[in-house]
């Protein structure tokens, strides 16, 4: 049996007796959980912890998790039972579960479902807020910010609320640790007979994978009011688009799909036409290039939030009312812009699905996704799908480089922001990119970064095409197509390629620079190379400057992937070890 020195210290300082020394988990009285990495039960425990706890930090030996209200309520909505959580913690903890933690978990978990929004049959413009606990009722009535939503008391513990304030009420209650379970049902959209093909138009037999079927069923819930709203979390490359299409075929109604980019719009349209019996006359594109409203319409977030000035209205918000939508899909829901949150709060009577690889939001608005789109309905660990062969095995490397002498003095005297820019633009990175390209010669390789000037320089040095936000959509599509068919083996891309780009051939990604400590960006970039492929192995390289502020941000970026079981092999490169010199 192995117990790390860190855990020995914790055990000693706690004054407790290790009742189950072979277990990997220590549960502390502040609801933090310490998980020992080098324990034979680590992987099993980690996969279960992610269902009801959040990873806080993940250094080499001990990972720290935190049980929060949001993590518990998402677990409750996904069907994880209270007894299941408590039994799991008791079974895998070195010590007895602290009594205060047990009480807190029970208190928070049991709040889920106490307050419900249900349908009011007598008036379609009103709903009923059903409060099952008298203490919670008093809490709501005594709080002016919550009481303002209550129009009239119609029965004991039942109040009328306005239909259009449904979303605002849920957010307001959440802010006071009162989750609202919305089972008021939905307004039916225009019927649309959507059928999935057994053989795709591309000629391949088409069948959903088991986990895709489970995800779709968890959301749909046999068409009851218990389903119809929520978020599905699956790794990049696991086929979230297919899950969305399957749910469309169950609901069978006019559908609005919101995406992050025009390329993603085109990808959705290709998949829908390929996998269903819908025709081009029934599937429309609403972007800066086209303005089509059809039975199924796919548009970008950017076009929806466009306005001439901050004082003007959002010109294209009319899309939400332009058709009798019965279903809205929010692709990459973790990127949902604030104005879309606002209008989503006003259309809570429409079935809505969020799709994402990670619910992490750098603006900490995860609660808005929970309240307005719906709770997490399905999640599966990335490593589980990797073992099953549904996504590629990823080998991750962090290559740490020294800063050249000519940049070092400038770095030392700069402020924090400039320090980051200098470190991220370390010129030695160009030589390392060439080295990696040579090592993986013949494979399809993406070089991605944050700084456009840096990307232009590397594009010229390695003579590879470049895609940025300013690249017109038609050229982007041509370059992506050439990359997919092997005509271009290397493609340099900015952050426009972070999301919803289907490049299954990509098996190597080199990250020159990133958006500070963004965990979601790191996960999405890894996702560009996770599509299953012939040898099913991919390589992810993150280039950072050693002993710099960029190194600190890199560790923050890697946190979500660490939660999913990925580890980075650290490689320290010296300037003289790089096979290319600046003359090349």
Protein backbone atom coordinates (compact mmCIF):
# COMPACT_ATOMS: atom_id res chain seq x y z
CA UNK A 1 0.00 0.00 0.00
CA UNK A 2 1.20 3.50 -0.86
CA UNK A 3 0.38 6.67 1.08
CA UNK A 4 2.04 9.86 -0.14
CA UNK A 5 4.07 12.04 2.22
CA UNK A 6 1.53 14.83 1.75
CA UNK A 7 -1.32 12.62 2.92
CA UNK A 8 0.73 11.28 5.83
CA UNK A 9 1.18 14.87 6.97
CA UNK A 10 -2.53 15.57 6.64
CA UNK A 11 -3.41 12.40 8.57
CA UNK A 12 -0.97 13.26 11.34
CA UNK A 13 -2.14 16.85 11.66
CA UNK A 14 -5.78 15.82 11.66
CA UNK A 15 -5.25 13.74 14.76
CA UNK A 16 -7.44 11.03 13.24
CA UNK A 17 -6.89 7.33 12.81
CA UNK A 18 -6.75 6.01 9.27
CA UNK A 19 -9.69 3.60 9.36
CA UNK A 20 -9.33 2.53 5.71
CA UNK A 21 -5.69 3.16 4.75
CA UNK A 22 -6.03 1.65 1.26
CA UNK A 23 -8.71 4.17 0.27
CA UNK A 24 -7.67 7.19 -1.82
CA UNK A 25 -10.05 9.85 -0.46
CA UNK A 26 -9.90 12.28 2.48
CA UNK A 27 -13.05 14.31 3.14
CA UNK A 28 -12.41 17.47 5.15
CA UNK A 29 -14.83 19.45 7.28
CA UNK A 30 -14.89 22.36 4.79
CA UNK A 31 -16.42 20.02 2.14
CA UNK A 32 -13.17 19.77 0.23
CA UNK A 33 -12.08 16.34 -0.95
CA UNK A 34 -8.47 15.24 -1.32
CA UNK A 35 -7.88 12.44 -3.81
CA UNK A 36 -4.55 10.58 -3.86
CA UNK A 37 -3.34 10.19 -7.45
CA UNK A 38 -1.04 7.18 -6.97
CA UNK A 39 -3.71 4.95 -5.51
CA UNK A 40 -4.98 1.91 -7.40
CA UNK A 41 -8.58 3.14 -6.91
CA UNK A 42 -7.82 6.63 -8.21
CA UNK A 43 -9.44 6.29 -11.63
CA UNK A 44 -12.64 4.70 -10.35
CA UNK A 45 -13.05 7.32 -7.63
CA UNK A 46 -12.21 10.22 -9.93
CA UNK A 47 -14.81 9.17 -12.50
CA UNK A 48 -17.52 9.04 -9.82
CA UNK A 49 -16.46 12.27 -8.10
CA UNK A 50 -16.96 14.27 -11.30
CA UNK A 51 -20.69 13.47 -11.09
CA UNK A 52 -21.23 15.52 -7.93
CA UNK A 53 -18.04 17.49 -7.14
CA UNK A 54 -15.86 20.10 -8.89
CA UNK A 55 -12.12 19.86 -9.38
CA UNK A 56 -10.35 22.82 -7.77
CA UNK A 57 -6.68 21.99 -8.34
CA UNK A 58 -4.67 19.05 -9.58
CA UNK A 59 -0.94 19.05 -8.81
CA UNK A 60 1.12 15.87 -9.11
CA UNK A 61 0.19 13.90 -6.00
CA UNK A 62 -3.17 15.06 -4.63
CA UNK A 63 -6.21 16.42 -6.48
CA UNK A 64 -8.59 18.70 -4.59
CA UNK A 65 -12.34 18.66 -5.22
CA UNK A 66 -15.14 20.76 -3.74
CA UNK A 67 -18.77 19.80 -3.24
CA UNK A 68 -20.94 22.80 -4.15
CA UNK A 69 -24.65 23.49 -4.41
CA UNK A 70 -24.45 23.57 -8.22
CA UNK A 71 -22.56 20.29 -8.44
CA UNK A 72 -25.07 18.57 -6.12
CA UNK A 73 -28.13 19.94 -7.94
CA UNK A 74 -26.73 18.92 -11.32
CA UNK A 75 -26.18 15.46 -9.87
CA UNK A 76 -29.74 15.34 -8.55
CA UNK A 77 -31.14 16.38 -11.93
CA UNK A 78 -29.05 13.69 -13.64
CA UNK A 79 -30.49 10.99 -11.37
CA UNK A 80 -27.59 10.59 -8.92
CA UNK A 81 -29.22 9.73 -5.58
CA UNK A 82 -28.37 11.20 -2.19
CA UNK A 83 -27.78 7.75 -0.73
CA UNK A 84 -25.56 6.94 -3.69
CA UNK A 85 -23.37 9.98 -2.97
CA UNK A 86 -23.11 9.32 0.76
CA UNK A 87 -22.45 5.59 0.30
CA UNK A 88 -19.74 6.36 -2.23
CA UNK A 89 -17.99 8.83 0.08
CA UNK A 90 -18.17 6.47 3.05
CA UNK A 91 -16.91 3.54 0.98
CA UNK A 92 -13.84 5.31 -0.44
CA UNK A 93 -12.78 7.61 2.39
CA UNK A 94 -9.78 6.94 4.64
CA UNK A 95 -11.67 8.50 7.55
CA UNK A 96 -15.28 8.63 8.62
CA UNK A 97 -17.34 11.20 6.75
CA UNK A 98 -17.40 14.39 8.91
CA UNK A 99 -20.87 14.86 10.37
CA UNK A 100 -21.14 18.51 9.33
CA UNK A 101 -20.31 17.56 5.72
CA UNK A 102 -22.94 14.83 5.73
CA UNK A 103 -25.55 17.27 7.07
CA UNK A 104 -24.58 19.94 4.53
CA UNK A 105 -24.78 17.50 1.61
CA UNK A 106 -28.20 16.29 2.77
CA UNK A 107 -29.48 19.85 3.29
CA UNK A 108 -28.30 21.13 -0.10
CA UNK A 109 -29.31 18.03 -2.04
CA UNK A 110 -32.78 17.88 -0.49
CA UNK A 111 -33.49 21.46 -1.55
CA UNK A 112 -33.67 20.24 -5.14
CA UNK A 113 -37.33 19.65 -6.00
CA UNK A 114 -38.78 21.57 -3.03
CA UNK A 115 -39.73 24.48 -5.30
CA UNK A 116 -41.39 23.63 -8.61
CA UNK A 117 -42.85 25.55 -11.50
CA UNK A 118 -45.91 23.78 -12.86
CA UNK A 119 -48.53 24.55 -15.49
CA UNK A 120 -51.59 26.70 -14.68
CA UNK A 121 -54.44 25.29 -16.73
CA UNK A 122 -56.79 28.26 -16.30
CA UNK A 123 -54.51 30.89 -17.86
CA UNK A 124 -51.68 30.20 -20.37
CA UNK A 125 -49.94 33.49 -19.47
CA UNK A 126 -49.46 32.37 -15.86
CA UNK A 127 -47.68 29.50 -14.10
CA UNK A 128 -47.81 28.07 -10.58
CA UNK A 129 -44.88 28.24 -8.18
CA UNK A 130 -45.36 25.24 -5.91
CA UNK A 131 -43.37 25.46 -2.64
CA UNK A 132 -43.44 22.15 -0.77
CA UNK A 133 -41.67 23.32 2.38
CA UNK A 134 -43.15 25.96 4.71
CA UNK A 135 -39.72 27.23 5.79
CA UNK A 136 -38.64 27.79 2.21
CA UNK A 137 -41.98 29.50 1.56
CA UNK A 138 -41.28 31.92 4.44
CA UNK A 139 -37.78 32.49 3.05
CA UNK A 140 -39.16 33.46 -0.35
CA UNK A 141 -41.95 35.66 1.00
CA UNK A 142 -39.60 37.54 3.32
CA UNK A 143 -37.12 38.34 0.53
CA UNK A 144 -38.29 41.35 -1.57
CA UNK A 145 -36.12 40.21 -4.53
CA UNK A 146 -38.04 36.93 -4.65
CA UNK A 147 -41.45 38.00 -3.42
CA UNK A 148 -41.82 40.44 -6.33
CA UNK A 149 -42.35 37.49 -8.69
CA UNK A 150 -45.39 36.23 -6.73
CA UNK A 151 -48.64 37.61 -8.17
CA UNK A 152 -51.27 35.86 -6.08
CA UNK A 153 -51.60 33.01 -3.60
CA UNK A 154 -54.16 30.55 -4.99
CA UNK A 155 -53.74 27.63 -2.59
CA UNK A 156 -51.58 26.84 0.43
CA UNK A 157 -47.93 27.05 -0.72
CA UNK A 158 -48.97 27.74 -4.33
CA UNK A 159 -48.53 31.10 -6.07
CA UNK A 160 -49.18 32.45 -9.53
CA UNK A 161 -46.21 33.88 -11.48
CA UNK A 162 -45.97 35.45 -14.92
CA UNK A 163 -45.01 33.12 -17.76
CA UNK A 164 -42.44 35.57 -19.14
CA UNK A 165 -40.70 35.91 -15.75
CA UNK A 166 -40.05 32.17 -15.51
CA UNK A 167 -36.34 32.45 -16.29
CA UNK A 168 -35.68 35.52 -14.15
CA UNK A 169 -37.36 33.84 -11.18
CA UNK A 170 -35.17 30.75 -11.48
CA UNK A 171 -31.97 32.83 -11.52
CA UNK A 172 -33.12 35.00 -8.61
CA UNK A 173 -33.99 31.94 -6.49
CA UNK A 174 -30.70 30.25 -7.35
CA UNK A 175 -28.84 33.30 -6.01
CA UNK A 176 -30.36 32.48 -2.61
CA UNK A 177 -29.61 28.73 -2.81
CA UNK A 178 -33.14 27.81 -3.86
CA UNK A 179 -33.09 25.66 -7.00
CA UNK A 180 -36.35 25.76 -8.96
CA UNK A 181 -37.39 22.54 -10.67
CA UNK A 182 -39.19 23.58 -13.84
CA UNK A 183 -41.76 20.98 -14.94
CA UNK A 184 -44.36 23.38 -16.35
CA UNK A 185 -44.12 21.84 -19.79
CA UNK A 186 -43.72 23.43 -23.18
CA UNK A 187 -45.52 25.12 -26.01
CA UNK A 188 -45.63 22.82 -29.02
CA UNK A 189 -43.96 24.08 -32.17
CA UNK A 190 -44.94 23.47 -35.76
CA UNK A 191 -44.85 19.68 -36.38
CA UNK A 192 -42.01 18.43 -38.58
CA UNK A 193 -41.56 14.77 -39.46
CA UNK A 194 -37.84 14.16 -38.88
CA UNK A 195 -36.63 10.63 -39.56
CA UNK A 196 -33.09 9.30 -39.24
CA UNK A 197 -31.63 7.32 -42.13
CA UNK A 198 -30.35 3.78 -41.76
CA UNK A 199 -27.86 4.54 -44.53
CA UNK A 200 -26.49 8.09 -44.70
CA UNK A 201 -26.48 9.94 -48.01
CA UNK A 202 -22.70 9.64 -47.92
CA UNK A 203 -23.21 5.87 -48.33
CA UNK A 204 -22.22 4.69 -44.84
CA UNK A 205 -24.52 2.69 -42.57
CA UNK A 206 -25.63 4.95 -39.75
CA UNK A 207 -26.35 3.83 -36.21
CA UNK A 208 -26.10 5.75 -32.97
CA UNK A 209 -23.60 4.57 -30.37
CA UNK A 210 -24.90 3.33 -27.02
CA UNK A 211 -23.84 6.42 -25.07
CA UNK A 212 -25.41 8.69 -27.70
CA UNK A 213 -28.72 6.86 -27.30
CA UNK A 214 -28.43 7.10 -23.50
CA UNK A 215 -27.73 10.85 -23.72
CA UNK A 216 -30.72 11.47 -26.01
CA UNK A 217 -33.04 9.39 -23.79
CA UNK A 218 -31.81 11.15 -20.63
CA UNK A 219 -32.79 14.49 -22.18
CA UNK A 220 -36.08 13.43 -23.80
CA UNK A 221 -37.36 11.34 -20.87
CA UNK A 222 -40.09 9.76 -22.99
CA UNK A 223 -41.48 13.18 -23.90
CA UNK A 224 -42.62 14.02 -20.36
CA UNK A 225 -42.32 17.46 -18.74
CA UNK A 226 -39.43 16.05 -16.68
CA UNK A 227 -37.38 16.14 -19.88
CA UNK A 228 -37.16 18.62 -22.71
CA UNK A 229 -34.66 21.02 -21.16
CA UNK A 230 -31.10 20.53 -20.00
CA UNK A 231 -27.49 20.10 -21.01
CA UNK A 232 -25.58 17.13 -22.41
CA UNK A 233 -21.84 17.04 -21.77
CA UNK A 234 -19.73 14.87 -24.07
CA UNK A 235 -16.08 15.07 -25.15
CA UNK A 236 -15.13 16.77 -28.39
CA UNK A 237 -15.29 14.19 -31.16
CA UNK A 238 -17.92 12.08 -29.38
CA UNK A 239 -20.73 13.11 -31.71
CA UNK A 240 -22.76 15.75 -29.86
CA UNK A 241 -24.26 16.84 -33.19
CA UNK A 242 -25.59 13.31 -33.71
CA UNK A 243 -27.19 13.36 -30.25
CA UNK A 244 -28.89 16.64 -31.14
CA UNK A 245 -30.19 15.20 -34.41
CA UNK A 246 -31.55 12.11 -32.63
CA UNK A 247 -33.44 14.31 -30.16
CA UNK A 248 -34.83 16.31 -33.09
CA UNK A 249 -36.18 13.06 -34.52
CA UNK A 250 -37.93 12.33 -31.19
CA UNK A 251 -39.51 15.77 -30.71
CA UNK A 252 -40.42 16.17 -34.41
CA UNK A 253 -40.91 19.92 -34.53
CA UNK A 254 -39.46 23.04 -36.15
CA UNK A 255 -35.99 23.53 -34.72
CA UNK A 256 -33.65 26.50 -34.27
CA UNK A 257 -29.95 25.64 -33.84
CA UNK A 258 -27.48 28.23 -32.54
CA UNK A 259 -23.74 27.80 -33.27
CA UNK A 260 -20.43 29.53 -32.64
CA UNK A 261 -19.36 30.10 -36.27
CA UNK A 262 -20.41 29.91 -39.91
CA UNK A 263 -18.23 26.82 -40.34
CA UNK A 264 -20.16 25.17 -37.50
CA UNK A 265 -23.44 26.16 -39.19
CA UNK A 266 -22.32 24.45 -42.40
CA UNK A 267 -21.24 21.38 -40.43
CA UNK A 268 -24.66 21.06 -38.76
CA UNK A 269 -26.44 21.44 -42.10
CA UNK A 270 -24.20 18.79 -43.72
CA UNK A 271 -24.88 16.34 -40.90
CA UNK A 272 -28.65 16.95 -40.89
CA UNK A 273 -28.95 16.47 -44.65
CA UNK A 274 -26.67 13.41 -44.54
CA UNK A 275 -28.25 11.64 -41.56
CA UNK A 276 -31.98 12.49 -41.91
CA UNK A 277 -34.62 12.52 -44.63
CA UNK A 278 -34.90 16.32 -44.48
CA UNK A 279 -34.16 18.15 -47.72
CA UNK A 280 -32.41 21.42 -48.57
CA UNK A 281 -35.85 23.04 -48.85
CA UNK A 282 -36.40 22.32 -45.14
CA UNK A 283 -32.98 23.26 -43.71
CA UNK A 284 -31.88 26.89 -43.77
CA UNK A 285 -28.81 28.97 -42.96
CA UNK A 286 -29.10 32.27 -41.09
CA UNK A 287 -25.70 33.97 -41.07
CA UNK A 288 -24.04 37.11 -42.34
CA UNK A 289 -23.99 35.51 -45.79
CA UNK A 290 -27.56 34.15 -45.93
CA UNK A 291 -30.84 34.96 -44.21
CA UNK A 292 -33.01 31.85 -44.60
CA UNK A 293 -35.84 30.90 -42.23
CA UNK A 294 -36.89 27.30 -42.82
CA UNK A 295 -38.36 24.44 -40.75
CA UNK A 296 -34.87 23.77 -39.39
CA UNK A 297 -32.75 26.92 -39.24
CA UNK A 298 -29.10 27.00 -38.20
CA UNK A 299 -27.59 30.35 -37.24
CA UNK A 300 -24.63 31.86 -35.39
CA UNK A 301 -24.61 33.54 -32.01
CA UNK A 302 -22.73 36.42 -33.65
CA UNK A 303 -25.52 37.31 -36.08
CA UNK A 304 -28.09 37.21 -33.28
CA UNK A 305 -26.23 39.65 -31.04
CA UNK A 306 -25.33 42.04 -33.87
CA UNK A 307 -26.44 45.65 -33.47
CA UNK A 308 -25.20 48.92 -34.92
CA UNK A 309 -24.53 50.48 -31.53
CA UNK A 310 -25.02 49.75 -27.82
CA UNK A 311 -28.15 51.90 -27.85
CA UNK A 312 -29.79 50.03 -30.74
CA UNK A 313 -31.90 46.89 -30.52
CA UNK A 314 -30.51 43.53 -31.57
CA UNK A 315 -31.50 43.49 -35.24
CA UNK A 316 -31.82 39.74 -35.64
CA UNK A 317 -33.52 38.75 -32.36
CA UNK A 318 -36.68 38.51 -34.47
CA UNK A 319 -35.37 35.08 -35.52
CA UNK A 320 -36.69 33.71 -32.20
CA UNK A 321 -40.23 34.77 -33.14
CA UNK A 322 -39.98 34.27 -36.92
CA UNK A 323 -41.15 30.65 -36.83
CA UNK A 324 -43.16 28.48 -34.48
CA UNK A 325 -40.09 26.84 -32.97
CA UNK A 326 -40.71 23.83 -30.77
CA UNK A 327 -37.05 23.11 -30.02
CA UNK A 328 -33.89 25.21 -29.68
CA UNK A 329 -30.38 23.73 -29.61
CA UNK A 330 -27.54 25.76 -28.11
CA UNK A 331 -24.28 24.31 -29.45
CA UNK A 332 -21.20 24.98 -27.30
CA UNK A 333 -23.58 26.27 -24.62
CA UNK A 334 -20.68 27.24 -22.33
CA UNK A 335 -20.04 30.13 -24.76
CA UNK A 336 -23.60 31.45 -24.72
CA UNK A 337 -23.38 35.29 -24.90
CA UNK A 338 -25.16 37.35 -22.22
CA UNK A 339 -27.82 38.80 -24.59
CA UNK A 340 -28.81 35.25 -25.59
CA UNK A 341 -29.20 34.39 -21.90
CA UNK A 342 -31.62 37.31 -21.59
CA UNK A 343 -33.89 36.26 -24.44
CA UNK A 344 -33.64 32.61 -23.39
CA UNK A 345 -35.10 33.69 -20.06
CA UNK A 346 -38.15 34.91 -21.97
CA UNK A 347 -38.70 31.71 -24.00
CA UNK A 348 -38.69 29.11 -21.24
CA UNK A 349 -41.79 27.49 -22.75
CA UNK A 350 -39.68 26.16 -25.64
CA UNK A 351 -37.81 22.85 -25.36
CA UNK A 352 -34.11 23.63 -25.23
CA UNK A 353 -30.92 21.61 -25.32
CA UNK A 354 -27.39 22.70 -24.47
CA UNK A 355 -24.47 20.78 -25.97
CA UNK A 356 -20.93 21.16 -24.69
CA UNK A 357 -17.69 19.38 -23.92
CA UNK A 358 -17.31 21.33 -20.67
CA UNK A 359 -19.68 23.38 -18.54
CA UNK A 360 -16.72 25.48 -17.39
CA UNK A 361 -17.33 29.19 -18.02
CA UNK A 362 -14.51 31.62 -17.33
CA UNK A 363 -17.13 34.27 -16.41
CA UNK A 364 -18.54 31.90 -13.73
CA UNK A 365 -22.04 31.98 -15.25
CA UNK A 366 -22.53 28.22 -14.95
CA UNK A 367 -25.62 28.95 -12.83
CA UNK A 368 -27.27 30.73 -15.78
CA UNK A 369 -26.86 27.63 -17.94
CA UNK A 370 -28.36 25.55 -15.10
CA UNK A 371 -31.33 27.91 -14.64
CA UNK A 372 -32.14 28.92 -18.22
CA UNK A 373 -31.06 26.01 -20.42
CA UNK A 374 -31.50 23.36 -17.77
CA UNK A 375 -29.49 21.07 -15.49
CA UNK A 376 -26.90 18.60 -16.69
CA UNK A 377 -28.76 15.54 -17.97
CA UNK A 378 -25.88 13.40 -19.19
CA UNK A 379 -22.12 13.35 -18.74
CA UNK A 380 -19.50 10.71 -19.34
CA UNK A 381 -15.76 10.82 -18.57
CA UNK A 382 -13.52 11.40 -21.58
CA UNK A 383 -11.22 8.53 -20.65
CA UNK A 384 -14.12 6.07 -20.60
CA UNK A 385 -14.92 6.83 -24.25
CA UNK A 386 -11.23 6.71 -25.08
CA UNK A 387 -10.94 3.18 -23.66
CA UNK A 388 -13.98 2.14 -25.68
CA UNK A 389 -12.32 3.49 -28.83
CA UNK A 390 -14.95 6.15 -29.53
CA UNK A 391 -12.43 8.97 -29.25
CA UNK A 392 -8.72 8.96 -29.97
CA UNK A 393 -6.11 8.35 -27.28
CA UNK A 394 -4.37 11.65 -26.65
CA UNK A 395 -0.76 11.99 -25.58
CA UNK A 396 -0.24 15.45 -24.07
CA UNK A 397 3.10 17.20 -23.80
CA UNK A 398 4.08 20.53 -22.28
CA UNK A 399 7.35 21.70 -23.77
CA UNK A 400 9.04 24.32 -21.59
CA UNK A 401 11.49 26.62 -23.32
CA UNK A 402 13.93 29.24 -22.07
CA UNK A 403 13.41 32.82 -23.13
CA UNK A 404 16.09 33.99 -25.59
CA UNK A 405 18.55 36.51 -24.15
CA UNK A 406 17.32 39.23 -26.51
CA UNK A 407 13.78 38.93 -25.03
CA UNK A 408 14.74 38.28 -21.41
CA UNK A 409 15.63 41.85 -20.37
CA UNK A 410 12.46 43.20 -21.95
CA UNK A 411 10.48 40.58 -20.01
CA UNK A 412 12.06 41.40 -16.65
CA UNK A 413 11.16 45.10 -16.71
CA UNK A 414 7.64 44.70 -18.17
CA UNK A 415 4.29 44.76 -16.35
CA UNK A 416 2.26 41.56 -15.97
CA UNK A 417 0.23 41.82 -19.20
CA UNK A 418 3.27 42.63 -21.31
CA UNK A 419 5.20 39.85 -19.55
CA UNK A 420 2.56 37.36 -20.70
CA UNK A 421 2.71 38.63 -24.29
CA UNK A 422 6.50 38.39 -24.41
CA UNK A 423 6.54 34.89 -22.94
CA UNK A 424 3.74 33.69 -25.22
CA UNK A 425 5.59 35.06 -28.27
CA UNK A 426 8.88 33.41 -27.36
CA UNK A 427 10.66 33.19 -30.72
CA UNK A 428 12.16 29.80 -29.89
CA UNK A 429 8.67 28.38 -30.28
CA UNK A 430 8.97 28.73 -34.05
CA UNK A 431 11.97 26.42 -34.09
CA UNK A 432 10.17 23.88 -31.88
CA UNK A 433 7.18 23.89 -34.23
CA UNK A 434 9.51 22.98 -37.09
CA UNK A 435 11.01 20.21 -34.98
CA UNK A 436 7.58 18.75 -34.16
CA UNK A 437 6.49 18.98 -37.80
CA UNK A 438 9.53 16.94 -38.77
CA UNK A 439 8.85 14.34 -36.07
CA UNK A 440 5.28 13.87 -37.28
CA UNK A 441 5.92 14.26 -40.97
CA UNK A 442 3.03 12.97 -43.06
CA UNK A 443 0.37 13.39 -40.36
CA UNK A 444 -2.35 16.08 -40.44
CA UNK A 445 -1.21 18.84 -38.10
CA UNK A 446 -2.90 21.94 -36.66
CA UNK A 447 -0.83 24.86 -35.33
CA UNK A 448 -3.02 27.09 -33.16
CA UNK A 449 -2.43 30.29 -31.23
CA UNK A 450 -3.87 33.45 -29.76
CA UNK A 451 -1.76 36.20 -31.31
CA UNK A 452 -2.43 36.93 -34.98
CA UNK A 453 1.01 38.45 -35.67
CA UNK A 454 2.62 35.32 -34.21
CA UNK A 455 0.44 33.09 -36.40
CA UNK A 456 1.25 35.09 -39.52
CA UNK A 457 4.97 34.70 -38.85
CA UNK A 458 4.82 30.94 -38.26
CA UNK A 459 2.55 30.53 -41.29
CA UNK A 460 5.16 32.17 -43.46
CA UNK A 461 8.06 30.24 -41.89
CA UNK A 462 6.51 26.80 -42.37
CA UNK A 463 4.70 27.76 -45.59
CA UNK A 464 1.28 26.63 -44.37
CA UNK A 465 -2.10 28.34 -44.99
CA UNK A 466 -3.55 30.52 -42.23
CA UNK A 467 -7.15 30.88 -41.04
CA UNK A 468 -8.12 33.78 -38.74
CA UNK A 469 -11.34 35.62 -37.93
CA UNK A 470 -10.77 37.84 -40.96
CA UNK A 471 -10.59 34.91 -43.39
CA UNK A 472 -13.81 35.01 -45.45
CA UNK A 473 -16.10 32.04 -44.87
CA UNK A 474 -15.81 30.68 -48.41
CA UNK A 475 -11.99 30.58 -48.15
CA UNK A 476 -12.20 29.00 -44.68
CA UNK A 477 -14.43 26.22 -46.00
CA UNK A 478 -12.05 25.62 -48.94
CA UNK A 479 -9.02 25.37 -46.64
CA UNK A 480 -10.81 23.07 -44.19
CA UNK A 481 -11.90 20.87 -47.11
CA UNK A 482 -8.33 20.68 -48.45
CA UNK A 483 -7.11 19.78 -44.97
CA UNK A 484 -9.76 17.07 -44.66
CA UNK A 485 -8.87 15.48 -48.02
CA UNK A 486 -5.12 15.64 -47.34
CA UNK A 487 -4.21 18.30 -49.88
CA UNK A 488 -2.94 20.46 -46.98
CA UNK A 489 -1.15 18.48 -44.26
CA UNK A 490 -0.51 21.51 -42.02
CA UNK A 491 -2.95 24.30 -41.17
CA UNK A 492 -2.28 27.36 -39.00
CA UNK A 493 -5.40 28.59 -37.20
CA UNK A 494 -6.42 31.23 -34.67
CA UNK A 495 -9.00 30.73 -31.95
CA UNK A 496 -11.75 30.59 -34.60
CA UNK A 497 -10.90 26.88 -34.79
CA UNK A 498 -11.40 26.32 -31.06
CA UNK A 499 -14.99 25.20 -31.45
CA UNK A 500 -17.30 23.04 -33.57
CA UNK A 501 -14.87 22.39 -36.42
CA UNK A 502 -14.97 18.84 -37.74
CA UNK A 503 -11.46 17.92 -38.82
CA UNK A 504 -11.30 14.18 -38.13
CA UNK A 505 -7.99 13.79 -39.95
CA UNK A 506 -6.12 16.05 -37.48
CA UNK A 507 -3.92 13.93 -35.25
CA UNK A 508 -1.36 16.48 -34.02
CA UNK A 509 -2.03 19.89 -32.49
CA UNK A 510 0.69 22.38 -31.56
CA UNK A 511 -0.46 25.17 -29.24
CA UNK A 512 1.76 28.23 -29.63
CA UNK A 513 -0.20 30.45 -27.25
CA UNK A 514 -3.58 30.68 -25.55
CA UNK A 515 -6.09 32.94 -23.85
CA UNK A 516 -4.41 33.28 -20.47
CA UNK A 517 -5.70 30.58 -18.06
CA UNK A 518 -8.78 29.48 -20.02
CA UNK A 519 -9.63 25.89 -19.07
CA UNK A 520 -12.38 25.64 -21.65
CA UNK A 521 -10.05 26.69 -24.46
CA UNK A 522 -7.48 24.05 -23.52
CA UNK A 523 -10.18 21.36 -23.52
CA UNK A 524 -11.66 22.51 -26.82
CA UNK A 525 -8.28 22.61 -28.51
CA UNK A 526 -7.48 19.09 -27.42
CA UNK A 527 -10.87 18.18 -28.82
CA UNK A 528 -9.78 19.16 -32.33
CA UNK A 529 -7.71 15.95 -32.50
CA UNK A 530 -9.93 13.50 -30.61
CA UNK A 531 -11.97 12.24 -33.56
CA UNK A 532 -11.37 8.49 -33.89
CA UNK A 533 -8.88 7.59 -36.59
CA UNK A 534 -7.03 4.59 -37.99
CA UNK A 535 -4.32 4.21 -35.35
CA UNK A 536 -6.45 6.15 -32.81
CA UNK A 537 -3.53 8.02 -31.24
CA UNK A 538 -3.21 11.82 -31.26
CA UNK A 539 -0.56 14.21 -29.98
CA UNK A 540 -1.15 17.51 -28.20
CA UNK A 541 1.80 19.87 -27.68
CA UNK A 542 1.58 22.99 -25.54
CA UNK A 543 4.61 25.29 -25.84
CA UNK A 544 5.31 27.48 -22.81
CA UNK A 545 8.13 29.71 -21.61
CA UNK A 546 9.87 28.32 -18.56
CA UNK A 547 9.90 30.36 -15.32
CA UNK A 548 7.41 32.87 -16.70
CA UNK A 549 3.87 34.03 -16.08
CA UNK A 550 2.79 32.01 -19.12
CA UNK A 551 3.79 28.86 -17.23
CA UNK A 552 1.43 29.79 -14.39
CA UNK A 553 -1.47 30.30 -16.80
CA UNK A 554 -0.68 26.99 -18.50
CA UNK A 555 -1.22 25.13 -15.24
CA UNK A 556 -4.63 26.79 -14.80
CA UNK A 557 -5.55 25.90 -18.39
CA UNK A 558 -4.79 22.23 -17.80
CA UNK A 559 -7.09 21.87 -14.78
CA UNK A 560 -10.21 20.65 -16.57
CA UNK A 561 -8.27 18.10 -18.60
CA UNK A 562 -6.65 16.85 -15.40
CA UNK A 563 -10.15 16.27 -14.03
CA UNK A 564 -10.86 14.13 -17.09
CA UNK A 565 -7.77 12.02 -16.43
CA UNK A 566 -5.27 13.59 -18.84
CA UNK A 567 -1.72 14.23 -17.72
CA UNK A 568 1.02 16.20 -19.43
CA UNK A 569 4.47 14.83 -19.96
CA UNK A 570 6.78 17.72 -19.15
CA UNK A 571 9.77 18.18 -21.43
CA UNK A 572 12.41 20.84 -20.78
CA UNK A 573 14.16 21.96 -23.97
CA UNK A 574 17.36 23.92 -24.04
CA UNK A 575 18.10 26.30 -26.86
CA UNK A 576 21.05 24.24 -28.07
CA UNK A 577 18.89 21.08 -28.22
CA UNK A 578 16.55 22.47 -30.87
CA UNK A 579 17.56 20.99 -34.21
CA UNK A 580 16.60 24.09 -36.17
CA UNK A 581 18.53 27.27 -35.60
CA UNK A 582 17.36 30.79 -36.36
CA UNK A 583 19.09 30.77 -39.74
CA UNK A 584 16.68 28.10 -40.99
